[in-house]
Each structure stands twice: as structure tokens, then as C-alpha cells.
Protein backbone atom coordinates (compact mmCIF):
# COMPACT_ATOMS: atom_id res chain seq x y z
CA UNK A 1 30.95 25.43 77.99
CA UNK A 2 27.75 26.61 79.76
CA UNK A 3 26.33 24.33 82.43
CA UNK A 4 22.91 22.90 81.53
CA UNK A 5 20.18 23.77 83.99
CA UNK A 6 17.88 21.09 85.37
CA UNK A 7 14.28 21.67 86.41
CA UNK A 8 12.48 18.90 88.27
CA UNK A 9 9.01 18.11 86.93
CA UNK A 10 7.94 15.26 89.22
CA UNK A 11 9.42 12.91 91.80
CA UNK A 12 8.31 9.43 92.81
CA UNK A 13 8.40 9.75 96.60
CA UNK A 14 6.65 6.42 97.05
CA UNK A 15 9.61 4.67 95.36
CA UNK A 16 11.97 5.65 98.19
CA UNK A 17 9.38 4.45 100.72
CA UNK A 18 8.78 1.06 99.08
CA UNK A 19 12.25 0.23 97.70
CA UNK A 20 15.96 0.35 98.51
CA UNK A 21 17.54 2.26 95.60
CA UNK A 22 20.74 0.36 94.78
CA UNK A 23 21.77 2.37 91.73
CA UNK A 24 20.28 5.19 89.68
CA UNK A 25 20.89 6.31 86.11
CA UNK A 26 19.59 8.81 83.58
CA UNK A 27 17.50 7.91 80.55
CA UNK A 28 15.90 9.94 77.79
CA UNK A 29 12.21 9.46 77.11
CA UNK A 30 10.35 9.33 73.80
CA UNK A 31 7.38 11.76 73.89
CA UNK A 32 5.05 13.54 71.49
CA UNK A 33 4.64 17.34 71.41
CA UNK A 34 1.45 17.64 73.46
CA UNK A 35 2.95 15.42 76.18
CA UNK A 36 5.90 17.79 76.51
CA UNK A 37 3.51 20.74 76.84
CA UNK A 38 1.66 18.88 79.59
CA UNK A 39 4.98 18.17 81.34
CA UNK A 40 5.87 21.88 81.23
CA UNK A 41 2.61 22.48 83.14
CA UNK A 42 3.67 19.77 85.66
CA UNK A 43 0.76 17.44 84.90
CA UNK A 44 2.39 14.03 85.40
CA UNK A 45 2.11 11.24 87.96
CA UNK A 46 4.89 8.69 88.56
CA UNK A 47 3.32 7.11 91.63
CA UNK A 48 2.60 3.56 90.40
CA UNK A 49 4.96 3.43 87.43
CA UNK A 50 7.59 0.80 86.67
CA UNK A 51 9.96 -0.10 83.84
CA UNK A 52 10.14 -3.24 81.76
CA UNK A 53 12.54 -4.60 79.15
CA UNK A 54 11.17 -6.04 75.90
CA UNK A 55 13.16 -6.95 72.78
CA UNK A 56 16.25 -5.16 74.08
CA UNK A 57 14.40 -1.88 74.71
CA UNK A 58 13.40 -0.25 77.99
CA UNK A 59 9.80 0.93 78.48
CA UNK A 60 8.04 2.84 81.26
CA UNK A 61 4.57 1.56 82.22
CA UNK A 62 1.94 3.15 84.41
CA UNK A 63 3.16 6.74 84.05
CA UNK A 64 0.21 9.12 83.68
CA UNK A 65 0.67 12.33 81.66
CA UNK A 66 -2.59 14.31 81.63
CA UNK A 67 -3.86 15.34 78.19
CA UNK A 68 -2.98 18.88 77.11
CA UNK A 69 -6.15 21.05 77.08
CA UNK A 70 -5.41 22.75 73.75
CA UNK A 71 -4.12 19.52 72.16
CA UNK A 72 -7.52 18.17 70.97
CA UNK A 73 -6.86 15.49 68.28
CA UNK A 74 -3.10 15.44 68.84
CA UNK A 75 -3.39 14.11 72.41
CA UNK A 76 -2.24 10.53 72.99
CA UNK A 77 -3.48 8.04 75.58
CA UNK A 78 -2.37 9.35 79.01
CA UNK A 79 -1.35 5.86 80.23
CA UNK A 80 0.41 4.66 77.08
CA UNK A 81 3.70 2.77 77.32
CA UNK A 82 6.63 5.08 76.54
CA UNK A 83 10.09 4.05 75.38
CA UNK A 84 13.14 5.07 77.39
CA UNK A 85 16.38 5.84 75.60
CA UNK A 86 19.53 4.23 77.02
CA UNK A 87 22.57 2.46 75.62
CA UNK A 88 21.96 -1.16 74.66
CA UNK A 89 24.62 -2.53 77.02
CA UNK A 90 23.13 -0.62 79.98
CA UNK A 91 19.68 -2.04 79.21
CA UNK A 92 21.04 -5.58 78.91
CA UNK A 93 22.95 -5.23 82.21
CA UNK A 94 19.78 -4.02 83.96
CA UNK A 95 17.76 -6.83 82.38
CA UNK A 96 20.26 -9.43 83.64
CA UNK A 97 20.08 -8.08 87.20
CA UNK A 98 16.27 -7.93 87.15
CA UNK A 99 16.00 -11.52 85.92
CA UNK A 100 18.61 -13.09 88.23
CA UNK A 101 18.63 -11.17 91.50
CA UNK A 102 15.02 -10.01 91.89
CA UNK A 103 15.57 -6.29 91.38
CA UNK A 104 13.04 -3.90 89.85
CA UNK A 105 13.55 -0.88 87.62
CA UNK A 106 11.54 2.04 89.01
CA UNK A 107 11.27 5.64 87.72
CA UNK A 108 12.51 8.01 90.46
CA UNK A 109 12.10 11.44 88.91
CA UNK A 110 11.34 13.31 85.72
CA UNK A 111 13.14 16.55 84.85
CA UNK A 112 14.16 18.92 82.08
CA UNK A 113 17.87 18.99 81.29
CA UNK A 114 18.23 21.97 79.02
CA UNK A 115 15.33 21.51 76.61
CA UNK A 116 15.30 17.68 76.82
CA UNK A 117 13.10 15.62 79.12
CA UNK A 118 15.07 13.07 81.14
CA UNK A 119 14.02 10.38 83.59
CA UNK A 120 16.07 9.11 86.51
CA UNK A 121 15.47 5.38 86.85
CA UNK A 122 16.63 3.33 89.80
CA UNK A 123 17.63 -0.28 90.17
CA UNK A 124 15.64 -1.11 93.30
CA UNK A 125 15.12 -3.94 95.74
CA UNK A 126 11.79 -4.17 97.57
CA UNK A 127 11.54 -3.27 101.26
CA UNK A 128 9.84 -5.45 103.82
CA UNK A 129 7.34 -3.96 106.27
CA UNK A 130 9.89 -3.92 109.11
CA UNK A 131 12.34 -1.98 106.91
CA UNK A 132 9.69 0.68 106.26
CA UNK A 133 8.95 0.92 109.99
CA UNK A 134 12.65 1.29 110.81
CA UNK A 135 13.00 4.09 108.25
CA UNK A 136 9.99 5.91 109.69
CA UNK A 137 11.34 5.56 113.25
CA UNK A 138 14.75 6.91 112.20
CA UNK A 139 13.13 9.86 110.43
CA UNK A 140 10.98 10.66 113.49
CA UNK A 141 14.00 10.46 115.80
CA UNK A 142 15.98 12.80 113.57
CA UNK A 143 13.07 15.25 113.48
CA UNK A 144 12.80 15.19 117.30
CA UNK A 145 16.53 15.80 117.73
CA UNK A 146 16.42 18.76 115.35
CA UNK A 147 13.37 20.17 117.15
CA UNK A 148 15.09 19.94 120.56
CA UNK A 149 18.29 21.50 119.24
CA UNK A 150 16.32 24.35 117.71
CA UNK A 151 14.51 24.97 121.03
CA UNK A 152 17.78 24.81 122.95
CA UNK A 153 19.52 27.47 120.83
CA UNK A 154 16.66 29.98 120.85
């Protein structure tokens, strides 16, 4: 069985800065043809997107897919709400956690898996300002250590 290749389209770097990612999972996404062509060109923004559950279905809000130039009348609204495809029991489990424990469902990345477009969504808990500062300090310390080690072994 050949292994399916994955090609990352976009990542939500702000999500890792603003949230603790507790769990992540893969979901399919319902798109129209011109949106897929735009994704192949890498014209998508996940920065301020989030997921919501309505009537037992999972939707992604705030994701911007730029209109395809040659799409003319077939282009859809770039900010429209798109349905995510997951098993019903997974959606209900996520919905229960979001309602009870104050988690959020945030899109982390968008990628091609074979010829299909998939989205990695994360069950996230919001970070406080001091958590963000601690992460930045740890990252700076790690960068300084690596810089000194590199200078030492020259």
C-alpha cells in the first residue's frame, strides 16, 4: 500500500501562541472547486478562525480563502462558513468538552493528504498573559544556548 503524501498549505501559528493545544485531530473540509484551486495556490488565512458546533455538525468560521482569479461567477464568499467532516461521536465529545470545561476548537493547519484537503483542529485552552511571556522567555533562552554552543564548536 503506497504511503499518502501530505503537503502543508497553511498553519495557524497564532493558535500555538494564544492557546495550549490539549488534543489535535484530523477533519475533512467541504469546499467548492474554485476554493480548492485557490488552496493549491496557497491563498488562505487561518489567523482568526475558530470552529463551532451547530445541530451536531462542526463548522469553521473566520477562515479566509481568497477568490480564484479565473473563477469569475463560480467564486464563493471568501469568508463563508465551511462544514468540517468528522464522525458524529467525535463532534459530540468535542461539543461536551467545549460546553463544560471552557475549551475552544481552533484550526491548527490545512494540508493536502493525497488529493483531499484536510484540516487539523485542536482542542485548546486559552493562555493567560503570563503563560505567553513564559513561553517567549523559554524560547529566547533556548535560542541563546544554541547560539553559544554553535560559537563554541566553531
